[in-house]
């Protein structure tokens, strides 16, 4: 869609197409000529170009009359049968709309033809502005079309490009750590001191790390209670970091029925602005204390994880397979990021700002929708487009580079590759065949897979041409956490 404009003497810009409105022309016996003229291409900047296009007003008028006659066949008006409305009334009712449609079509067609005749690869949408002056031929309409073109560049020698190829091993230590996490996810609690099938929690009946404490608390600043500073029967697990460190430290060592008063300093960046940076005095009373019982690693535990016969060896193998699948995906992503960084550094060219602006708007809208889906009220939240410009420029630059690499080196995704990728996705589901059907039943889903395969083809190509360094990445670092529950 071209940018809408206002032109002196021509009326305000329309809402569709090229969008320049002109007054309805009086019927005249102009000769209908389906021609237009375009000037030579002017270079305004590195990628910015301009051409002037024009066509006879007679051509415009003739087409308007033809379309009004077509519209008249079904036009309705009070007192007239359908198709019998006088042309003057049809023109009065539909002329404004038809004029804009014709003008949009004519200017759009003229620009498209001029761009094709000059072998121009137009990036984004042209800005169309009416032209006036002595150089405009009498009896014609003229417009300046300003636009950007795609850059011409060649992906040269990549042998000096440096790429990190990430590698991470899954060992017994990672499997053991994962089992510990799975156990913690299935934890249940027993009251300390009460004998049960799993014991009474030990001789130490005071609050310790991993215990679940239930207490009443009240906080005061300068002797005055503050909003959010009081609660009854409040439960939390010591060591999970849900409470501020000073609060947890004061709770550790307490026994049921005990009370304690202590100072607590809120951080300057605390989410509660009314108390941020201030020191409060809290009084807490411990009302209940429960100790954590983790399930034993036995056949019952294996069954909880879906191993029907409770075989622990099979359970560990399943966990290893899942970890290796996750590691494989993250390793590929890390390596791909390194390849993309190398391409951006190695290949320099000017990027069409029209494409950057379009992608920045798309990113802003995606961010807005994501925040809304998370329950945030984004109706009145500003989303300055410039915040997304850097990311958008990188995305556009990489898109152009990948397109050039694919075209120049025939790296298009094959149907065999797409099918293999879909089957790989399906392996992590209980019914792989159902997943395969899910993807192959929708062209849009397959297009997403095709784009992924295409990127992998580019990564493989670049790895074969560039200077590759194998980088061993610790498992915890790859997974982005210390793998603790």
Protein backbone atom coordinates (compact mmCIF):
# COMPACT_ATOMS: atom_id res chain seq x y z
CA UNK A 1 0.00 0.00 0.00
CA UNK A 2 1.42 3.41 -0.91
CA UNK A 3 1.58 6.20 1.60
CA UNK A 4 -1.51 8.38 1.41
CA UNK A 5 -1.04 12.02 0.52
CA UNK A 6 -2.99 15.25 0.22
CA UNK A 7 -2.61 17.32 -2.92
CA UNK A 8 -3.53 21.00 -3.36
CA UNK A 9 -6.63 21.20 -5.51
CA UNK A 10 -7.09 17.44 -5.63
CA UNK A 11 -8.75 16.73 -2.30
CA UNK A 12 -7.68 14.61 0.66
CA UNK A 13 -5.97 11.22 0.39
CA UNK A 14 -8.15 8.15 0.12
CA UNK A 15 -8.11 5.19 2.46
CA UNK A 16 -7.00 2.48 0.07
CA UNK A 17 -4.50 1.73 -2.67
CA UNK A 18 -2.34 4.58 -3.91
CA UNK A 19 -5.05 6.81 -2.52
CA UNK A 20 -5.06 10.21 -4.22
CA UNK A 21 -8.53 11.63 -4.77
CA UNK A 22 -9.53 13.90 -7.65
CA UNK A 23 -12.87 15.65 -8.35
CA UNK A 24 -15.31 13.81 -10.60
CA UNK A 25 -14.56 15.02 -14.10
CA UNK A 26 -17.34 16.35 -16.32
CA UNK A 27 -18.20 14.09 -19.27
CA UNK A 28 -16.10 15.02 -22.30
CA UNK A 29 -15.37 13.34 -25.60
CA UNK A 30 -11.75 12.49 -24.78
CA UNK A 31 -10.09 9.76 -26.78
CA UNK A 32 -9.44 6.76 -24.48
CA UNK A 33 -5.71 5.99 -24.46
CA UNK A 34 -4.47 3.15 -22.26
CA UNK A 35 -0.95 4.57 -21.94
CA UNK A 36 1.21 6.23 -19.36
CA UNK A 37 4.59 7.89 -19.29
CA UNK A 38 7.42 7.52 -16.80
CA UNK A 39 10.57 9.58 -16.47
CA UNK A 40 14.03 8.18 -15.94
CA UNK A 41 14.86 6.83 -12.52
CA UNK A 42 16.39 9.44 -10.21
CA UNK A 43 18.79 8.38 -7.46
CA UNK A 44 18.06 10.41 -4.31
CA UNK A 45 20.16 8.44 -1.82
CA UNK A 46 21.95 5.11 -1.52
CA UNK A 47 18.78 3.08 -1.94
CA UNK A 48 16.18 5.80 -2.48
CA UNK A 49 14.82 6.35 -5.98
CA UNK A 50 12.16 8.51 -7.63
CA UNK A 51 10.25 8.30 -10.88
CA UNK A 52 7.51 10.52 -12.27
CA UNK A 53 4.52 8.79 -13.79
CA UNK A 54 1.68 10.41 -15.73
CA UNK A 55 -1.34 9.46 -17.78
CA UNK A 56 -4.08 11.35 -19.68
CA UNK A 57 -7.07 12.61 -17.78
CA UNK A 58 -9.12 11.24 -20.67
CA UNK A 59 -7.97 7.75 -19.77
CA UNK A 60 -9.06 8.34 -16.20
CA UNK A 61 -12.45 9.69 -17.25
CA UNK A 62 -13.11 6.91 -19.72
CA UNK A 63 -12.48 4.22 -17.15
CA UNK A 64 -14.66 6.02 -14.57
CA UNK A 65 -17.54 6.13 -17.06
CA UNK A 66 -17.14 2.42 -17.87
CA UNK A 67 -17.24 1.43 -14.22
CA UNK A 68 -20.22 3.69 -13.48
CA UNK A 69 -22.14 2.00 -16.31
CA UNK A 70 -21.38 -1.37 -14.78
CA UNK A 71 -22.45 -0.09 -11.36
CA UNK A 72 -25.67 1.29 -12.88
CA UNK A 73 -26.84 -2.21 -13.82
CA UNK A 74 -27.49 -3.03 -10.17
CA UNK A 75 -27.82 0.46 -8.64
CA UNK A 76 -30.84 1.08 -6.42
CA UNK A 77 -32.60 4.34 -5.57
CA UNK A 78 -36.02 5.24 -4.14
CA UNK A 79 -38.65 5.33 -6.87
CA UNK A 80 -36.61 3.39 -9.42
CA UNK A 81 -36.32 -0.26 -10.22
CA UNK A 82 -32.85 -1.83 -9.85
CA UNK A 83 -30.79 -1.05 -12.93
CA UNK A 84 -33.07 1.81 -14.02
CA UNK A 85 -31.51 4.61 -11.95
CA UNK A 86 -30.49 7.62 -14.15
CA UNK A 87 -26.73 7.89 -14.76
CA UNK A 88 -26.61 11.35 -13.15
CA UNK A 89 -27.90 9.86 -9.91
CA UNK A 90 -25.51 6.90 -10.19
CA UNK A 91 -22.60 9.33 -10.70
CA UNK A 92 -23.70 11.44 -7.75
CA UNK A 93 -23.95 8.40 -5.49
CA UNK A 94 -20.94 6.36 -6.60
CA UNK A 95 -18.72 8.75 -8.55
CA UNK A 96 -16.47 9.74 -5.63
CA UNK A 97 -15.78 6.12 -4.73
CA UNK A 98 -15.26 5.00 -8.33
CA UNK A 99 -12.89 7.88 -9.03
CA UNK A 100 -10.67 6.83 -6.17
CA UNK A 101 -10.74 3.20 -7.25
CA UNK A 102 -9.75 4.10 -10.80
CA UNK A 103 -7.04 6.52 -9.73
CA UNK A 104 -5.59 3.98 -7.31
CA UNK A 105 -5.61 1.32 -10.02
CA UNK A 106 -4.09 3.58 -12.67
CA UNK A 107 -1.31 4.96 -10.52
CA UNK A 108 -0.58 1.53 -9.08
CA UNK A 109 -0.48 -0.05 -12.55
CA UNK A 110 1.67 2.75 -13.92
CA UNK A 111 4.16 2.46 -11.06
CA UNK A 112 4.33 -1.32 -11.36
CA UNK A 113 4.95 -1.13 -15.10
CA UNK A 114 7.61 1.56 -14.68
CA UNK A 115 9.37 -0.46 -11.98
CA UNK A 116 9.34 -3.59 -14.15
CA UNK A 117 10.55 -1.74 -17.25
CA UNK A 118 13.49 -0.36 -15.26
CA UNK A 119 14.24 -3.70 -13.54
CA UNK A 120 13.70 -2.15 -10.13
CA UNK A 121 13.32 -4.39 -7.07
CA UNK A 122 11.11 -2.17 -4.93
CA UNK A 123 11.51 -2.56 -1.17
CA UNK A 124 8.41 -1.68 0.84
CA UNK A 125 5.74 0.64 -0.50
CA UNK A 126 6.22 3.77 -2.62
CA UNK A 127 5.26 7.20 -1.41
CA UNK A 128 3.01 8.73 -4.07
CA UNK A 129 2.70 12.52 -4.31
CA UNK A 130 0.80 14.54 -6.94
CA UNK A 131 3.01 16.66 -9.15
CA UNK A 132 2.14 20.05 -10.58
CA UNK A 133 3.95 22.72 -12.53
CA UNK A 134 4.87 23.75 -16.06
CA UNK A 135 6.48 20.40 -16.81
CA UNK A 136 3.16 18.55 -16.38
CA UNK A 137 1.55 18.04 -19.79
CA UNK A 138 -1.84 19.69 -20.12
CA UNK A 139 -4.68 17.24 -19.89
CA UNK A 140 -2.72 14.72 -17.84
CA UNK A 141 -2.21 13.75 -14.22
CA UNK A 142 1.34 13.39 -12.90
CA UNK A 143 2.72 11.85 -9.72
CA UNK A 144 6.13 11.48 -8.12
CA UNK A 145 6.77 8.01 -6.74
CA UNK A 146 9.54 7.89 -4.13
CA UNK A 147 10.70 4.49 -2.93
CA UNK A 148 13.63 2.32 -1.91
CA UNK A 149 15.15 -0.58 -3.78
CA UNK A 150 16.73 -3.77 -2.51
CA UNK A 151 20.51 -3.56 -2.19
CA UNK A 152 22.78 -5.41 -4.57
CA UNK A 153 25.49 -7.35 -2.75
CA UNK A 154 27.46 -10.52 -3.07
CA UNK A 155 28.31 -12.93 -0.27
CA UNK A 156 32.05 -13.18 -0.69
CA UNK A 157 34.71 -15.40 0.85
CA UNK A 158 33.57 -16.69 4.24
CA UNK A 159 36.83 -18.45 5.09
CA UNK A 160 37.80 -15.71 7.56
CA UNK A 161 34.42 -15.67 9.30
CA UNK A 162 34.74 -17.05 12.84
CA UNK A 163 32.01 -19.34 14.16
CA UNK A 164 31.65 -21.17 17.47
CA UNK A 165 30.21 -24.67 17.15
CA UNK A 166 28.81 -25.51 20.56
CA UNK A 167 29.07 -28.95 22.12
CA UNK A 168 27.57 -30.19 25.41
CA UNK A 169 27.66 -33.70 26.81
CA UNK A 170 24.95 -35.37 28.88
CA UNK A 171 26.64 -37.42 31.61
CA UNK A 172 25.41 -39.42 34.60
CA UNK A 173 25.81 -36.28 36.71
CA UNK A 174 23.21 -34.45 34.60
CA UNK A 175 20.87 -37.44 34.81
CA UNK A 176 21.24 -37.58 38.60
CA UNK A 177 20.62 -33.85 38.88
CA UNK A 178 17.51 -34.15 36.73
CA UNK A 179 16.22 -36.98 38.91
CA UNK A 180 16.69 -34.76 41.97
CA UNK A 181 14.65 -32.03 40.28
CA UNK A 182 11.91 -34.51 39.41
CA UNK A 183 11.85 -35.68 43.02
CA UNK A 184 11.54 -32.09 44.30
CA UNK A 185 8.69 -31.50 41.89
CA UNK A 186 6.85 -34.39 43.59
CA UNK A 187 7.62 -33.38 47.16
CA UNK A 188 4.97 -33.65 49.87
CA UNK A 189 5.04 -32.34 53.45
CA UNK A 190 4.50 -33.80 56.93
CA UNK A 191 4.10 -31.94 60.21
CA UNK A 192 7.36 -31.91 62.11
CA UNK A 193 7.25 -33.98 65.28
CA UNK A 194 4.27 -36.08 64.22
CA UNK A 195 5.09 -39.71 63.56
CA UNK A 196 3.95 -41.02 60.19
CA UNK A 197 4.81 -43.64 57.60
CA UNK A 198 7.84 -41.57 56.60
CA UNK A 199 8.95 -40.65 60.14
CA UNK A 200 8.63 -37.47 62.20
CA UNK A 201 11.16 -35.22 60.47
CA UNK A 202 14.03 -35.85 62.87
CA UNK A 203 15.11 -34.66 66.28
CA UNK A 204 15.53 -31.00 65.27
CA UNK A 205 12.06 -29.50 65.49
CA UNK A 206 13.14 -25.98 64.49
CA UNK A 207 12.58 -24.38 61.10
CA UNK A 208 15.28 -25.33 58.57
CA UNK A 209 15.91 -24.98 54.85
CA UNK A 210 13.36 -26.84 52.69
CA UNK A 211 10.78 -26.79 55.53
CA UNK A 212 7.37 -25.27 54.85
CA UNK A 213 6.56 -22.66 57.47
CA UNK A 214 3.13 -21.22 58.21
CA UNK A 215 3.09 -18.02 60.23
CA UNK A 216 1.40 -14.74 61.02
CA UNK A 217 3.34 -11.56 60.43
CA UNK A 218 2.90 -7.83 60.72
CA UNK A 219 5.29 -5.14 59.51
CA UNK A 220 5.50 -1.52 60.62
CA UNK A 221 7.43 1.50 59.39
CA UNK A 222 7.91 4.20 62.03
CA UNK A 223 5.43 2.29 64.17
CA UNK A 224 2.68 2.33 61.54
CA UNK A 225 1.43 -0.72 59.66
CA UNK A 226 1.70 -0.42 55.88
CA UNK A 227 -0.42 -1.99 53.09
CA UNK A 228 0.71 -5.52 52.28
CA UNK A 229 2.75 -5.76 55.46
CA UNK A 230 0.38 -8.06 57.35
CA UNK A 231 -0.87 -11.62 56.81
CA UNK A 232 -2.26 -14.57 58.79
CA UNK A 233 -1.57 -18.25 58.08
CA UNK A 234 0.97 -17.35 55.43
CA UNK A 235 2.93 -20.36 54.09
CA UNK A 236 6.24 -20.49 52.22
CA UNK A 237 9.15 -22.91 51.76
CA UNK A 238 12.43 -21.83 53.29
CA UNK A 239 15.17 -21.61 50.70
CA UNK A 240 12.96 -21.08 47.64
CA UNK A 241 13.65 -17.35 47.66
CA UNK A 242 10.01 -16.33 47.78
CA UNK A 243 10.65 -14.07 50.76
CA UNK A 244 13.41 -11.50 51.24
CA UNK A 245 16.63 -13.04 52.67
CA UNK A 246 16.28 -11.19 56.01
CA UNK A 247 12.77 -12.59 56.46
CA UNK A 248 13.90 -16.16 55.79
CA UNK A 249 16.96 -15.79 58.01
CA UNK A 250 14.78 -14.64 60.89
CA UNK A 251 12.44 -17.64 60.44
CA UNK A 252 15.18 -20.28 60.42
CA UNK A 253 15.69 -21.77 63.88
CA UNK A 254 12.24 -20.85 65.19
CA UNK A 255 9.91 -23.44 66.72
CA UNK A 256 6.12 -23.62 66.54
CA UNK A 257 4.52 -21.12 68.94
CA UNK A 258 7.54 -18.81 69.06
CA UNK A 259 7.45 -15.16 68.06
CA UNK A 260 10.24 -12.88 66.92
CA UNK A 261 10.65 -9.19 66.07
CA UNK A 262 13.38 -8.08 63.68
CA UNK A 263 14.29 -5.22 61.30
CA UNK A 264 14.01 -5.71 57.53
CA UNK A 265 15.42 -3.31 54.94
CA UNK A 266 13.56 -3.23 51.64
CA UNK A 267 15.81 -2.91 48.56
CA UNK A 268 15.82 0.39 46.71
CA UNK A 269 14.42 -1.37 43.61
CA UNK A 270 11.72 -3.27 45.53
CA UNK A 271 8.51 -3.63 43.51
CA UNK A 272 6.46 -1.95 46.25
CA UNK A 273 7.35 1.70 45.69
CA UNK A 274 5.83 2.84 48.99
CA UNK A 275 8.32 0.78 51.01
CA UNK A 276 11.29 0.60 48.61
CA UNK A 277 14.49 1.72 50.34
CA UNK A 278 12.86 1.85 53.79
CA UNK A 279 13.42 -0.24 56.92
CA UNK A 280 10.46 -1.95 58.56
CA UNK A 281 10.07 -3.80 61.84
CA UNK A 282 8.43 -7.20 61.48
CA UNK A 283 6.91 -9.43 64.12
CA UNK A 284 6.37 -13.06 63.13
CA UNK A 285 4.71 -15.95 64.96
CA UNK A 286 5.38 -19.48 63.72
CA UNK A 287 2.11 -21.47 63.76
CA UNK A 288 2.98 -24.64 61.84
CA UNK A 289 6.08 -26.33 60.51
CA UNK A 290 6.29 -29.14 57.95
CA UNK A 291 9.26 -31.06 56.67
CA UNK A 292 9.72 -32.09 53.03
CA UNK A 293 9.59 -35.73 52.10
CA UNK A 294 11.01 -36.56 48.69
CA UNK A 295 9.96 -39.79 46.98
CA UNK A 296 12.53 -42.55 46.91
CA UNK A 297 14.09 -43.42 43.58
CA UNK A 298 12.43 -46.78 43.23
CA UNK A 299 10.00 -48.63 40.98
CA UNK A 300 7.06 -46.53 42.18
CA UNK A 301 8.96 -43.36 41.31
CA UNK A 302 9.75 -44.73 37.85
CA UNK A 303 6.06 -45.50 37.32
CA UNK A 304 5.20 -41.91 38.25
CA UNK A 305 7.46 -40.87 35.37
CA UNK A 306 5.63 -43.10 32.90
CA UNK A 307 7.79 -46.23 33.01
CA UNK A 308 5.02 -48.80 33.32
CA UNK A 309 7.13 -51.70 34.60
CA UNK A 310 9.09 -49.51 37.06
CA UNK A 311 12.47 -50.41 35.50
CA UNK A 312 15.01 -47.89 36.88
CA UNK A 313 17.48 -48.49 34.04
CA UNK A 314 14.78 -47.73 31.49
CA UNK A 315 13.83 -44.64 33.51
CA UNK A 316 17.40 -43.31 33.38
CA UNK A 317 17.62 -44.06 29.66
CA UNK A 318 14.36 -42.19 29.03
CA UNK A 319 15.65 -39.22 31.02
CA UNK A 320 18.91 -39.29 29.09
CA UNK A 321 17.07 -39.40 25.75
CA UNK A 322 14.95 -36.42 26.75
CA UNK A 323 17.97 -34.46 27.97
CA UNK A 324 19.92 -35.21 24.80
CA UNK A 325 16.98 -34.11 22.67
CA UNK A 326 16.75 -30.85 24.62
CA UNK A 327 20.53 -30.37 24.48
CA UNK A 328 20.55 -31.02 20.74
CA UNK A 329 17.98 -28.28 20.15
CA UNK A 330 19.77 -25.75 22.33
CA UNK A 331 23.19 -26.56 20.87
CA UNK A 332 21.82 -26.06 17.36
CA UNK A 333 20.30 -22.74 18.40
CA UNK A 334 23.57 -21.55 19.95
CA UNK A 335 25.55 -22.55 16.88
CA UNK A 336 23.00 -20.90 14.60
CA UNK A 337 23.24 -17.66 16.60
CA UNK A 338 27.03 -17.74 16.16
CA UNK A 339 26.65 -18.29 12.41
CA UNK A 340 24.19 -15.40 12.09
CA UNK A 341 26.49 -13.10 14.08
CA UNK A 342 29.36 -14.04 11.77
CA UNK A 343 27.30 -13.32 8.65
CA UNK A 344 26.23 -9.91 9.93
CA UNK A 345 29.87 -9.00 10.64
CA UNK A 346 31.22 -10.36 7.36
CA UNK A 347 28.71 -8.89 4.91
CA UNK A 348 28.07 -5.14 4.84
CA UNK A 349 25.41 -3.36 2.80
CA UNK A 350 22.74 -0.71 3.19
CA UNK A 351 19.39 -1.93 4.46
CA UNK A 352 16.10 -0.48 3.11
CA UNK A 353 14.65 1.56 5.95
CA UNK A 354 11.14 0.94 4.68
CA UNK A 355 11.57 -2.77 5.46
CA UNK A 356 13.08 -1.96 8.85
CA UNK A 357 10.11 0.26 9.71
CA UNK A 358 7.63 -2.45 8.68
CA UNK A 359 9.39 -5.10 10.76
CA UNK A 360 9.70 -2.78 13.76
CA UNK A 361 5.93 -2.23 13.67
CA UNK A 362 5.41 -5.98 13.44
CA UNK A 363 7.68 -6.59 16.45
CA UNK A 364 5.90 -3.91 18.46
CA UNK A 365 2.52 -5.48 17.72
CA UNK A 366 3.80 -8.95 18.60
CA UNK A 367 5.09 -7.59 21.91
CA UNK A 368 1.77 -5.91 22.62
CA UNK A 369 -0.16 -9.13 21.90
CA UNK A 370 2.20 -11.21 24.01
CA UNK A 371 1.81 -8.87 26.98
CA UNK A 372 -1.96 -8.87 26.57
CA UNK A 373 -2.02 -12.68 26.55
CA UNK A 374 -0.10 -12.61 29.84
CA UNK A 375 -2.94 -10.63 31.38
CA UNK A 376 -1.29 -7.20 31.25
CA UNK A 377 -3.33 -4.13 30.46
CA UNK A 378 -1.56 -2.71 27.42
CA UNK A 379 -4.34 -0.50 26.10
CA UNK A 380 -2.66 2.73 27.16
CA UNK A 381 0.95 1.50 27.20
CA UNK A 382 3.10 3.31 24.60
CA UNK A 383 5.18 1.15 22.28
CA UNK A 384 7.75 3.50 20.65
CA UNK A 385 8.72 1.93 17.35
CA UNK A 386 12.32 3.10 17.73
CA UNK A 387 12.76 0.62 20.58
CA UNK A 388 12.49 -2.16 18.01
CA UNK A 389 14.57 -0.59 15.23
CA UNK A 390 17.88 -2.30 16.06
CA UNK A 391 16.28 -5.73 16.28
CA UNK A 392 14.28 -5.09 13.12
CA UNK A 393 17.34 -3.97 11.15
CA UNK A 394 19.24 -7.11 12.16
CA UNK A 395 16.27 -9.31 11.16
CA UNK A 396 15.93 -7.59 7.78
CA UNK A 397 19.69 -7.74 7.15
CA UNK A 398 19.82 -11.45 7.97
CA UNK A 399 16.75 -12.13 5.85
CA UNK A 400 18.44 -10.56 2.82
CA UNK A 401 21.70 -12.42 3.46
CA UNK A 402 19.96 -15.77 3.85
CA UNK A 403 17.92 -15.21 0.71
CA UNK A 404 21.09 -14.46 -1.26
CA UNK A 405 22.91 -17.51 0.13
CA UNK A 406 19.97 -19.78 -0.66
CA UNK A 407 19.63 -18.48 -4.21
CA UNK A 408 23.33 -18.47 -5.00
CA UNK A 409 24.06 -21.91 -3.55
CA UNK A 410 20.77 -23.75 -4.14
CA UNK A 411 20.10 -24.31 -0.44
CA UNK A 412 16.32 -24.60 -0.73
CA UNK A 413 14.63 -27.06 1.64
CA UNK A 414 13.70 -30.38 0.05
CA UNK A 415 10.54 -32.29 0.83
CA UNK A 416 12.70 -35.06 2.31
CA UNK A 417 14.31 -32.61 4.72
CA UNK A 418 10.95 -31.16 5.71
CA UNK A 419 9.52 -34.60 6.37
CA UNK A 420 12.58 -35.58 8.44
CA UNK A 421 12.26 -32.41 10.52
CA UNK A 422 8.58 -33.03 11.20
CA UNK A 423 9.32 -36.62 12.23
CA UNK A 424 12.03 -35.35 14.57
CA UNK A 425 9.53 -32.99 16.19
CA UNK A 426 7.08 -35.87 16.57
CA UNK A 427 9.47 -38.14 18.49
CA UNK A 428 8.91 -36.28 21.76
CA UNK A 429 5.13 -36.95 21.69
CA UNK A 430 3.19 -40.04 22.70
CA UNK A 431 1.58 -40.37 19.25
CA UNK A 432 4.19 -39.33 16.65
CA UNK A 433 1.97 -40.13 13.67
CA UNK A 434 -0.69 -37.75 14.94
CA UNK A 435 1.91 -34.97 15.10
CA UNK A 436 3.06 -35.72 11.55
CA UNK A 437 -0.54 -35.46 10.33
CA UNK A 438 -0.93 -32.19 12.26
CA UNK A 439 1.90 -30.56 10.30
CA UNK A 440 1.15 -32.01 6.87
CA UNK A 441 -2.51 -31.03 7.08
CA UNK A 442 -1.72 -27.31 7.10
CA UNK A 443 0.44 -25.45 4.58
CA UNK A 444 1.25 -22.67 7.03
CA UNK A 445 2.66 -25.15 9.53
CA UNK A 446 4.72 -26.79 6.81
CA UNK A 447 5.96 -23.36 5.73
CA UNK A 448 7.28 -22.78 9.26
CA UNK A 449 9.12 -26.10 9.13
CA UNK A 450 10.47 -25.27 5.67
CA UNK A 451 11.86 -21.96 6.96
CA UNK A 452 13.56 -23.79 9.82
CA UNK A 453 15.13 -26.34 7.46
CA UNK A 454 16.26 -23.56 5.15
CA UNK A 455 18.06 -21.85 8.05
CA UNK A 456 19.72 -25.12 8.98
CA UNK A 457 20.89 -25.54 5.38
CA UNK A 458 22.48 -22.11 5.55
CA UNK A 459 24.12 -22.91 8.89
CA UNK A 460 25.56 -26.14 7.49
CA UNK A 461 26.85 -24.29 4.43
CA UNK A 462 28.52 -21.57 6.48
CA UNK A 463 30.09 -24.08 8.87
CA UNK A 464 31.66 -25.75 5.85
CA UNK A 465 33.13 -22.47 4.58
CA UNK A 466 34.14 -20.57 7.73
CA UNK A 467 36.71 -20.85 10.52
CA UNK A 468 34.98 -23.06 13.08
CA UNK A 469 36.02 -23.37 16.72
CA UNK A 470 34.47 -26.09 18.85
CA UNK A 471 33.23 -24.61 22.10
CA UNK A 472 32.49 -26.91 25.03
CA UNK A 473 29.60 -25.44 26.98
CA UNK A 474 28.77 -26.79 30.45
CA UNK A 475 25.35 -28.39 30.70
CA UNK A 476 24.09 -25.94 33.34
CA UNK A 477 25.19 -22.95 31.30
CA UNK A 478 23.53 -24.28 28.16
CA UNK A 479 20.26 -24.90 30.00
CA UNK A 480 20.35 -21.38 31.40
CA UNK A 481 20.13 -22.33 35.07
CA UNK A 482 21.81 -24.31 37.81
CA UNK A 483 19.12 -26.97 37.38
CA UNK A 484 17.86 -26.59 40.92
CA UNK A 485 14.17 -26.76 41.73
